[in-house]
N, C-alpha and C. Protein backbone atom coordinates (compact mmCIF):
# COMPACT_ATOMS: atom_id res chain seq x y z
N MET A 1 -2.18 -14.26 1.60
CA MET A 1 -2.93 -13.69 2.70
C MET A 1 -3.19 -12.22 2.40
N TYR A 2 -4.43 -11.81 2.50
CA TYR A 2 -4.79 -10.42 2.29
C TYR A 2 -4.87 -9.69 3.61
N VAL A 3 -4.39 -8.48 3.61
CA VAL A 3 -4.52 -7.60 4.77
C VAL A 3 -5.80 -6.82 4.54
N ARG A 4 -6.80 -7.10 5.33
CA ARG A 4 -8.08 -6.40 5.17
C ARG A 4 -8.13 -5.26 6.18
N LYS A 5 -7.95 -4.10 5.67
CA LYS A 5 -8.01 -2.91 6.51
C LYS A 5 -9.18 -2.08 6.01
N ASP A 6 -9.65 -1.21 6.84
CA ASP A 6 -10.62 -0.21 6.38
C ASP A 6 -9.97 0.46 5.18
N LYS A 7 -10.71 0.62 4.09
CA LYS A 7 -10.07 1.14 2.89
C LYS A 7 -9.42 2.48 3.12
N SER A 8 -9.93 3.27 4.04
CA SER A 8 -9.28 4.54 4.32
C SER A 8 -7.92 4.32 4.98
N ASP A 9 -7.76 3.23 5.74
CA ASP A 9 -6.46 2.91 6.33
C ASP A 9 -5.46 2.56 5.23
N ALA A 10 -5.87 1.73 4.28
CA ALA A 10 -4.99 1.36 3.17
C ALA A 10 -4.60 2.61 2.39
N GLN A 11 -5.57 3.46 2.13
CA GLN A 11 -5.28 4.69 1.40
C GLN A 11 -4.31 5.56 2.18
N LYS A 12 -4.51 5.68 3.48
CA LYS A 12 -3.62 6.50 4.30
C LYS A 12 -2.20 5.97 4.28
N ILE A 13 -2.06 4.65 4.40
CA ILE A 13 -0.73 4.03 4.40
C ILE A 13 -0.01 4.34 3.10
N ILE A 14 -0.69 4.13 1.99
CA ILE A 14 -0.05 4.30 0.69
C ILE A 14 0.14 5.77 0.36
N GLU A 15 -0.82 6.61 0.69
CA GLU A 15 -0.66 8.04 0.45
C GLU A 15 0.50 8.61 1.27
N THR A 16 0.67 8.13 2.48
CA THR A 16 1.80 8.57 3.31
C THR A 16 3.11 8.13 2.69
N ALA A 17 3.17 6.88 2.23
CA ALA A 17 4.38 6.38 1.57
C ALA A 17 4.70 7.21 0.33
N LEU A 18 3.68 7.54 -0.44
CA LEU A 18 3.90 8.35 -1.63
C LEU A 18 4.39 9.75 -1.27
N ALA A 19 3.78 10.35 -0.28
CA ALA A 19 4.18 11.70 0.14
C ALA A 19 5.63 11.72 0.63
N LEU A 20 6.00 10.72 1.41
CA LEU A 20 7.36 10.67 1.94
C LEU A 20 8.39 10.41 0.85
N SER A 21 7.99 9.68 -0.17
CA SER A 21 8.93 9.33 -1.25
C SER A 21 8.96 10.36 -2.36
N GLY A 22 7.93 11.23 -2.43
CA GLY A 22 7.84 12.19 -3.52
C GLY A 22 7.36 11.56 -4.82
N MET A 23 6.84 10.35 -4.74
CA MET A 23 6.37 9.62 -5.91
C MET A 23 4.87 9.85 -6.08
N THR A 24 4.41 9.84 -7.32
CA THR A 24 2.98 9.96 -7.56
C THR A 24 2.36 8.56 -7.59
N GLN A 25 1.05 8.54 -7.47
CA GLN A 25 0.32 7.27 -7.53
C GLN A 25 0.53 6.60 -8.89
N ALA A 26 0.55 7.39 -9.96
CA ALA A 26 0.76 6.86 -11.30
C ALA A 26 2.16 6.26 -11.44
N GLN A 27 3.16 6.91 -10.86
CA GLN A 27 4.53 6.37 -10.92
C GLN A 27 4.63 5.05 -10.16
N LEU A 28 3.98 4.99 -9.00
CA LEU A 28 4.00 3.75 -8.24
C LEU A 28 3.29 2.64 -9.00
N ALA A 29 2.16 2.95 -9.58
CA ALA A 29 1.42 1.96 -10.37
C ALA A 29 2.31 1.40 -11.48
N GLU A 30 3.00 2.27 -12.17
CA GLU A 30 3.87 1.85 -13.26
C GLU A 30 4.98 0.92 -12.75
N LYS A 31 5.59 1.28 -11.63
CA LYS A 31 6.66 0.45 -11.07
C LYS A 31 6.14 -0.91 -10.59
N LEU A 32 4.85 -0.97 -10.25
CA LEU A 32 4.24 -2.23 -9.83
C LEU A 32 3.74 -3.04 -11.03
N GLY A 33 3.86 -2.45 -12.24
CA GLY A 33 3.41 -3.14 -13.44
C GLY A 33 1.91 -3.09 -13.62
N LYS A 34 1.27 -2.08 -13.05
CA LYS A 34 -0.18 -1.92 -13.16
C LYS A 34 -0.50 -0.61 -13.86
N SER A 35 -1.66 -0.54 -14.46
CA SER A 35 -2.09 0.74 -15.03
C SER A 35 -2.53 1.64 -13.87
N PRO A 36 -2.43 2.95 -14.07
CA PRO A 36 -2.89 3.86 -13.01
C PRO A 36 -4.35 3.61 -12.61
N SER A 37 -5.20 3.30 -13.58
CA SER A 37 -6.62 3.09 -13.25
C SER A 37 -6.83 1.81 -12.46
N SER A 38 -6.12 0.73 -12.81
CA SER A 38 -6.30 -0.52 -12.05
C SER A 38 -5.74 -0.38 -10.64
N PHE A 39 -4.63 0.35 -10.49
CA PHE A 39 -4.07 0.57 -9.16
C PHE A 39 -5.01 1.43 -8.33
N SER A 40 -5.60 2.44 -8.95
CA SER A 40 -6.53 3.31 -8.25
C SER A 40 -7.74 2.52 -7.75
N GLN A 41 -8.24 1.62 -8.58
CA GLN A 41 -9.36 0.77 -8.17
C GLN A 41 -8.98 -0.13 -7.01
N LYS A 42 -7.78 -0.71 -7.08
CA LYS A 42 -7.31 -1.57 -6.00
C LYS A 42 -7.16 -0.77 -4.71
N LEU A 43 -6.65 0.43 -4.83
CA LEU A 43 -6.49 1.30 -3.66
C LEU A 43 -7.84 1.64 -3.05
N ALA A 44 -8.82 1.90 -3.88
CA ALA A 44 -10.16 2.23 -3.39
C ALA A 44 -10.79 1.06 -2.64
N LYS A 45 -10.48 -0.16 -3.08
CA LYS A 45 -11.00 -1.35 -2.40
C LYS A 45 -10.22 -1.63 -1.11
N GLY A 46 -8.96 -1.20 -1.07
CA GLY A 46 -8.16 -1.38 0.13
C GLY A 46 -7.71 -2.79 0.39
N ARG A 47 -7.59 -3.59 -0.65
CA ARG A 47 -7.15 -4.99 -0.48
C ARG A 47 -5.77 -5.18 -1.07
N PHE A 48 -4.81 -5.33 -0.18
CA PHE A 48 -3.43 -5.56 -0.59
C PHE A 48 -2.88 -6.74 0.21
N THR A 49 -2.05 -7.54 -0.44
CA THR A 49 -1.40 -8.63 0.26
C THR A 49 -0.22 -8.07 1.05
N VAL A 50 0.26 -8.85 2.00
CA VAL A 50 1.44 -8.43 2.75
C VAL A 50 2.59 -8.22 1.77
N GLU A 51 2.71 -9.11 0.79
CA GLU A 51 3.77 -8.99 -0.21
C GLU A 51 3.65 -7.69 -1.01
N GLU A 52 2.42 -7.29 -1.33
CA GLU A 52 2.23 -6.03 -2.06
C GLU A 52 2.63 -4.82 -1.21
N TYR A 53 2.27 -4.85 0.07
CA TYR A 53 2.69 -3.76 0.96
C TYR A 53 4.22 -3.71 1.05
N LYS A 54 4.85 -4.88 1.14
CA LYS A 54 6.32 -4.92 1.20
C LYS A 54 6.92 -4.33 -0.07
N LYS A 55 6.39 -4.70 -1.22
CA LYS A 55 6.89 -4.19 -2.50
C LYS A 55 6.70 -2.68 -2.58
N ILE A 56 5.55 -2.19 -2.15
CA ILE A 56 5.30 -0.74 -2.14
C ILE A 56 6.31 -0.06 -1.23
N GLY A 57 6.60 -0.67 -0.10
CA GLY A 57 7.61 -0.13 0.80
C GLY A 57 8.98 -0.06 0.14
N GLU A 58 9.37 -1.13 -0.53
CA GLU A 58 10.66 -1.15 -1.23
C GLU A 58 10.74 -0.05 -2.28
N LEU A 59 9.66 0.08 -3.06
CA LEU A 59 9.66 1.05 -4.15
C LEU A 59 9.64 2.49 -3.66
N THR A 60 9.09 2.72 -2.49
CA THR A 60 9.03 4.08 -1.95
C THR A 60 10.15 4.36 -0.95
N GLY A 61 11.02 3.37 -0.73
CA GLY A 61 12.14 3.56 0.18
C GLY A 61 11.77 3.43 1.64
N LEU A 62 10.64 2.78 1.90
CA LEU A 62 10.18 2.60 3.28
C LEU A 62 10.15 1.12 3.61
N ARG A 63 10.04 0.80 4.88
CA ARG A 63 9.96 -0.58 5.30
C ARG A 63 8.57 -0.85 5.85
N PHE A 64 7.92 -1.86 5.31
CA PHE A 64 6.61 -2.26 5.79
C PHE A 64 6.81 -3.26 6.91
N VAL A 65 6.16 -3.03 8.05
CA VAL A 65 6.27 -3.93 9.20
C VAL A 65 4.87 -4.41 9.55
N CYS A 66 4.72 -5.71 9.65
CA CYS A 66 3.45 -6.32 10.02
C CYS A 66 3.68 -7.09 11.30
N ARG A 67 2.81 -6.90 12.28
CA ARG A 67 2.98 -7.62 13.54
C ARG A 67 1.63 -7.97 14.13
N TYR A 68 1.65 -8.97 14.94
CA TYR A 68 0.46 -9.36 15.69
C TYR A 68 0.64 -8.90 17.11
N GLU A 69 -0.44 -8.44 17.72
CA GLU A 69 -0.37 -8.00 19.10
C GLU A 69 -1.34 -8.81 19.93
N GLU A 70 -0.86 -9.29 21.03
CA GLU A 70 -1.71 -10.06 21.93
C GLU A 70 -2.65 -9.11 22.67
N ASN A 71 -3.88 -9.55 22.88
CA ASN A 71 -4.89 -8.78 23.60
C ASN A 71 -5.12 -7.41 22.97
N TYR A 72 -5.12 -7.40 21.64
CA TYR A 72 -5.32 -6.14 20.92
C TYR A 72 -6.72 -5.60 21.13
N LEU A 73 -7.71 -6.49 21.15
CA LEU A 73 -9.09 -6.04 21.26
C LEU A 73 -9.41 -5.73 22.66
């Protein structure tokens, strides 16, 4: 399942995680087994699975929480 967010939302989430962890985007890419350029492209598209967000959370020392809200719209 892909979490489709506005790409700026995905970027904000990951940039915040990086800032809080003190990790660079290149370091995170390496820990995810991706090249910095492929991770940057993925980040620009803003398409990450729930599992990828969880892994990013683990690597940055944060917890990713996904929830559904009734009557959100």
